[in-house]
């Protein structure tokens, strides 16, 4: 099974070796992981803000619980991607 095209991948300045190409892919995956985790953390923060201003106790609790779930997701993103999920 070929992971990269024969002769290497094209990159700025010419062809990249398979080893260099793997580094490029790993770098992109890391950036994607950070973006996804940041998105989950931002969502958690918005939900916490909503919970703080919510006068109905049950809704406040649900928003806080949902915020905690998003924080958990943010922490799980790197391990899920490393396992190929």
Foldseek 3Di string as FASTA:
>chain_A
DDPADPPAPADPPGHDDPVVVVVVVVVVVVVVLQVQLVVLLVQLVVLQVVLVPDPDPVSSVVSNVSSVVSNVVSVCSVVCVVVVD
